[in-house]
Protein backbone atom coordinates (compact mmCIF):
# COMPACT_ATOMS: atom_id res chain seq x y z
CA MET A 1 51.84 -7.04 20.82
CA THR A 2 48.31 -7.90 21.82
CA SER A 3 47.49 -10.55 24.38
CA THR A 4 44.51 -12.85 24.40
CA ALA A 5 42.58 -12.86 27.65
CA LYS A 6 42.29 -16.31 29.17
CA PRO A 7 38.81 -17.47 30.17
CA ALA A 8 38.10 -17.59 33.87
CA ALA A 9 38.53 -21.12 35.19
CA PHE A 10 36.00 -22.70 37.53
CA SER A 11 37.80 -23.53 40.75
CA ILE A 12 36.76 -25.98 43.44
CA GLN A 13 38.95 -23.99 45.83
CA GLN A 14 36.56 -21.03 45.77
CA GLN A 15 35.44 -20.30 49.34
CA ASP A 16 33.41 -17.11 48.97
CA PRO A 17 29.58 -17.06 49.40
CA LEU A 18 29.06 -17.30 45.65
CA SER A 19 30.65 -20.75 45.37
CA LEU A 20 28.40 -23.38 43.87
CA PRO A 21 26.08 -25.26 46.24
CA ASP A 22 25.96 -29.01 46.70
CA ILE A 23 23.66 -31.10 44.54
CA PRO A 24 20.30 -31.13 46.34
CA GLY A 25 18.29 -34.25 46.99
CA GLY A 26 14.89 -34.78 45.46
CA ALA A 27 13.40 -35.85 42.17
CA GLY A 28 15.32 -36.01 38.92
CA THR A 29 18.59 -37.53 37.87
CA ILE A 30 21.97 -36.32 39.11
CA ALA A 31 22.53 -34.81 35.67
CA ASP A 32 19.23 -32.89 35.89
CA ARG A 33 20.00 -31.53 39.34
CA LEU A 34 23.57 -30.61 38.40
CA TYR A 35 22.25 -28.85 35.32
CA THR A 36 19.92 -26.75 37.49
CA ILE A 37 22.80 -25.68 39.74
CA LEU A 38 24.99 -24.70 36.80
CA GLU A 39 22.17 -22.93 34.97
CA GLU A 40 21.33 -20.80 38.01
CA ALA A 41 25.01 -19.97 38.53
CA ILE A 42 25.32 -18.88 34.90
CA ILE A 43 22.15 -16.77 34.97
CA ASP A 44 23.27 -15.04 38.18
CA ARG A 45 26.85 -14.73 36.84
CA ARG A 46 28.37 -16.65 39.71
CA LEU A 47 29.89 -18.55 36.81
CA ALA A 48 31.06 -15.63 34.71
CA PRO A 49 30.63 -15.52 30.94
CA GLY A 50 33.62 -17.19 29.33
CA THR A 51 34.25 -19.54 32.28
CA HIS A 52 35.73 -22.87 31.20
CA LEU A 53 33.41 -25.66 32.36
CA LYS A 54 35.94 -28.38 33.09
CA ALA A 55 34.19 -31.74 33.40
CA GLU A 56 37.01 -33.21 35.49
CA THR A 57 36.82 -30.35 37.99
CA LEU A 58 33.05 -30.70 38.31
CA CYS A 59 33.42 -34.46 38.83
CA ARG A 60 35.81 -33.87 41.72
CA ARG A 61 33.69 -31.07 43.19
CA TYR A 62 30.53 -33.18 43.27
CA GLY A 63 31.97 -36.66 43.67
CA VAL A 64 30.14 -38.00 40.63
CA SER A 65 31.18 -39.81 37.48
CA MET A 66 31.88 -38.15 34.16
CA ILE A 67 28.57 -39.33 32.65
CA PRO A 68 26.12 -36.99 34.51
CA VAL A 69 28.57 -34.09 34.28
CA ARG A 70 28.90 -34.42 30.52
CA GLU A 71 25.13 -34.79 30.21
CA ALA A 72 24.58 -31.60 32.23
CA ILE A 73 27.09 -29.70 30.09
CA ARG A 74 25.47 -30.97 26.87
CA THR A 75 22.10 -29.73 28.15
CA LEU A 76 23.64 -26.33 28.91
CA GLN A 77 24.86 -26.21 25.32
CA ALA A 78 21.47 -27.27 23.93
CA ASN A 79 19.71 -24.56 25.94
CA GLY A 80 22.14 -21.82 24.94
CA TRP A 81 24.00 -21.42 28.24
CA ALA A 82 27.32 -22.87 27.09
CA VAL A 83 29.27 -23.17 23.86
CA ALA A 84 31.57 -25.98 22.79
CA LYS A 85 34.95 -25.10 21.30
CA PRO A 86 36.55 -27.97 19.37
CA HIS A 87 39.61 -29.37 21.15
CA HIS A 88 39.18 -26.88 24.01
CA GLY A 89 35.99 -27.81 25.87
CA SER A 90 32.84 -25.98 26.91
CA TYR A 91 32.56 -22.38 28.05
CA VAL A 92 29.83 -20.29 29.63
CA VAL A 93 28.08 -18.25 26.94
CA ARG A 94 28.70 -14.52 26.65
CA GLY A 95 25.85 -12.09 26.17
CA THR A 96 25.61 -10.35 22.82
CA VAL A 97 24.08 -7.09 21.67
CA ASP A 98 22.15 -8.97 18.97
CA GLU A 99 20.54 -11.36 21.45
CA LEU A 100 19.77 -8.48 23.78
CA GLY A 101 17.96 -6.70 20.95
CA ASP A 102 15.94 -9.81 20.11
CA LEU A 103 14.99 -10.37 23.74
CA TYR A 104 13.84 -6.81 24.27
CA GLU A 105 11.87 -6.81 21.03
CA ALA A 106 10.03 -9.91 22.25
CA ARG A 107 9.71 -8.44 25.73
CA THR A 108 8.11 -5.27 24.39
CA VAL A 109 5.45 -7.23 22.53
CA LEU A 110 4.75 -9.67 25.35
CA GLU A 111 4.90 -7.53 28.48
CA THR A 112 2.95 -4.55 27.18
CA ALA A 113 0.12 -6.90 26.22
CA ALA A 114 0.41 -8.75 29.53
CA SER A 115 0.21 -5.50 31.49
CA ARG A 116 -2.91 -4.44 29.60
CA LEU A 117 -4.59 -7.81 30.14
CA ALA A 118 -3.54 -7.94 33.79
CA ALA A 119 -5.26 -4.60 34.41
CA GLN A 120 -8.43 -5.98 32.86
CA ARG A 121 -8.40 -9.44 34.45
CA ARG A 122 -6.46 -9.32 37.72
CA SER A 123 -8.01 -10.78 40.85
CA ALA A 124 -7.63 -9.52 44.40
CA ASP A 125 -5.11 -12.32 45.02
CA ASP A 126 -3.09 -11.30 41.94
CA LEU A 127 -2.98 -7.73 43.22
CA SER A 128 -1.82 -8.82 46.67
CA LYS A 129 1.06 -10.79 45.16
CA LEU A 130 2.12 -7.87 42.98
CA GLU A 131 2.04 -5.43 45.89
CA ALA A 132 4.12 -7.86 47.98
CA ALA A 133 6.67 -8.10 45.16
CA VAL A 134 6.97 -4.30 45.04
CA GLU A 135 7.56 -4.24 48.80
CA GLN A 136 10.29 -6.87 48.39
CA GLY A 137 11.88 -4.62 45.80
CA ASN A 138 11.76 -1.67 48.19
CA GLU A 139 13.46 -3.83 50.80
CA LEU A 140 16.29 -4.67 48.38
CA VAL A 141 16.75 -0.96 47.74
CA ARG A 142 16.85 -0.23 51.47
CA LEU A 143 19.43 -2.99 52.00
CA GLU A 144 21.33 -2.01 48.84
CA THR A 145 21.48 -5.58 47.52
CA PRO A 146 21.13 -5.21 43.73
CA SER A 147 22.51 -8.71 43.13
CA ARG A 148 19.18 -10.16 44.29
CA PHE A 149 17.11 -7.92 42.05
CA ALA A 150 17.43 -9.88 38.80
CA LYS A 151 15.53 -12.86 40.20
CA LEU A 152 12.93 -10.69 41.93
CA ASN A 153 12.46 -8.71 38.73
CA SER A 154 11.76 -11.91 36.79
CA GLU A 155 9.29 -13.05 39.42
CA PHE A 156 7.50 -9.68 39.30
CA HIS A 157 6.95 -9.85 35.55
CA GLU A 158 5.87 -13.47 35.82
CA LEU A 159 3.25 -12.37 38.37
CA ILE A 160 1.91 -9.86 35.86
CA ALA A 161 1.66 -12.65 33.29
CA GLU A 162 -0.08 -14.78 35.90
CA ALA A 163 -2.62 -12.00 36.42
CA THR A 164 -3.66 -12.32 32.75
CA HIS A 165 -4.95 -15.84 33.49
CA ASN A 166 -3.59 -16.92 30.11
CA GLY A 167 -1.59 -20.12 30.50
CA THR A 168 0.26 -19.82 27.20
CA LEU A 169 1.32 -16.25 27.91
CA MET A 170 2.54 -17.32 31.36
CA ASP A 171 4.69 -20.11 29.88
CA VAL A 172 6.27 -17.80 27.30
CA GLN A 173 6.93 -15.15 29.96
CA ARG A 174 8.73 -17.67 32.18
CA ARG A 175 11.07 -18.68 29.36
CA LEU A 176 11.73 -15.07 28.38
CA SER A 177 12.30 -13.97 31.98
CA GLN A 178 14.93 -16.63 32.53
CA ARG A 179 16.99 -15.43 29.59
CA LEU A 180 16.51 -11.77 30.52
CA ARG A 181 17.80 -12.47 34.04
CA PHE A 182 21.20 -13.20 32.52
CA TYR A 183 21.33 -9.60 31.29
CA SER A 184 19.53 -7.80 34.13
CA SER A 185 22.05 -9.14 36.66
CA VAL A 186 24.44 -6.37 35.54
CA LEU A 187 22.15 -3.49 36.59
CA PRO A 188 23.60 -0.93 39.04
CA MET A 189 21.87 0.12 42.26
CA ASP A 190 20.45 3.38 40.91
CA ARG A 191 18.71 1.57 38.05
CA VAL A 192 17.38 -1.04 40.47
CA GLN A 193 15.80 1.74 42.53
CA ARG A 194 14.19 3.31 39.48
CA SER A 195 12.93 -0.09 38.31
CA VAL A 196 11.24 -0.70 41.65
CA GLU A 197 9.57 2.71 41.41
CA GLU A 198 8.37 1.86 37.89
CA HIS A 199 7.05 -1.49 39.14
CA ALA A 200 5.07 0.35 41.81
CA ALA A 201 3.54 2.68 39.22
CA LEU A 202 2.61 -0.29 37.05
CA VAL A 203 0.94 -2.06 39.96
CA GLU A 204 -1.05 1.08 40.76
CA ALA A 205 -2.36 1.17 37.18
CA ILE A 206 -3.27 -2.51 37.38
CA LYS A 207 -4.93 -1.91 40.75
CA ARG A 208 -7.25 0.76 39.34
CA GLN A 209 -7.75 -1.42 36.23
CA ASP A 210 -6.45 1.26 33.89
CA ALA A 211 -5.37 -0.91 30.96
CA VAL A 212 -4.19 2.00 28.80
CA ALA A 213 -1.95 3.40 31.55
CA ALA A 214 -0.61 -0.05 32.45
CA GLU A 215 0.43 -0.69 28.86
CA ALA A 216 2.07 2.75 28.55
CA ILE A 217 3.97 2.38 31.85
CA ALA A 218 5.19 -1.08 30.83
CA LEU A 219 6.41 0.24 27.47
CA GLU A 220 8.35 3.08 29.10
CA HIS A 221 9.76 0.74 31.75
CA ILE A 222 11.03 -1.73 29.15
CA GLY A 223 12.65 1.05 27.12
CA LYS A 224 14.52 2.39 30.14
CA SER A 225 15.63 -1.09 31.15
CA LYS A 226 16.96 -1.85 27.68
CA ALA A 227 18.88 1.44 27.55
CA GLU A 228 20.58 0.72 30.89
CA VAL A 229 21.42 -2.90 30.10
CA SER A 230 22.82 -1.87 26.70
CA VAL A 231 25.20 0.49 28.49
CA GLN A 232 26.17 -1.99 31.20
CA LEU A 233 26.70 -5.02 28.93
CA PRO A 234 30.05 -3.90 27.41
CA THR A 235 31.26 -2.77 30.85
CA ALA A 236 30.41 -6.13 32.39
CA ALA A 237 32.07 -8.00 29.51
CA ALA A 238 35.27 -5.98 29.95
CA ALA A 239 35.32 -6.68 33.69
CA GLU A 240 34.82 -10.41 33.10
CA ASP A 241 37.76 -10.48 30.68
């Protein structure tokens, strides 16, 4: 007899460091700010794929009415971070092999071109930011904190897009990076170390303004990343079940 795994339930009793933060002050509605908290938690897998997003629990956790909570959950659904199951509620989305393939196909086109253009157009300030990002990556490796790498990795590739001085390319890269973070959060420490080394090689090519080498390094880097994530995705899904 087979058993159906129950989705992980969000608990307001969670006391570990990965528990959700309070709603920050500042601009935007409560629903907007709550959405940002939930989105970040989903991307970083603090809210695991398959987690049941119980509106009542979130209302109690944040001391707000049902209206902003439901609005935040609807926005998560609209942006692809949650799915609604009739008569059951909303659940954190699970990654799929098909989406991963689509993302990496788009990434290959975008980031190889961005690397080539960055080598041709980068400023001294762009180069300083990229070198600082590589050093931050080296620090994560020294401290063995791979959980922080997904966000740093996104920021690194956004800096390369920034170095192209093409506003449209930068906007597309930001959207792509956010979705890719959801998948790159499963990378093990050894892959993080290799990624940082590949980032350093890419920055060196950009530094010497070798557009051909930068494009080739980016292409190889993306291929290795996809291969590792493709292996880790089923393992992560099994652990979350």
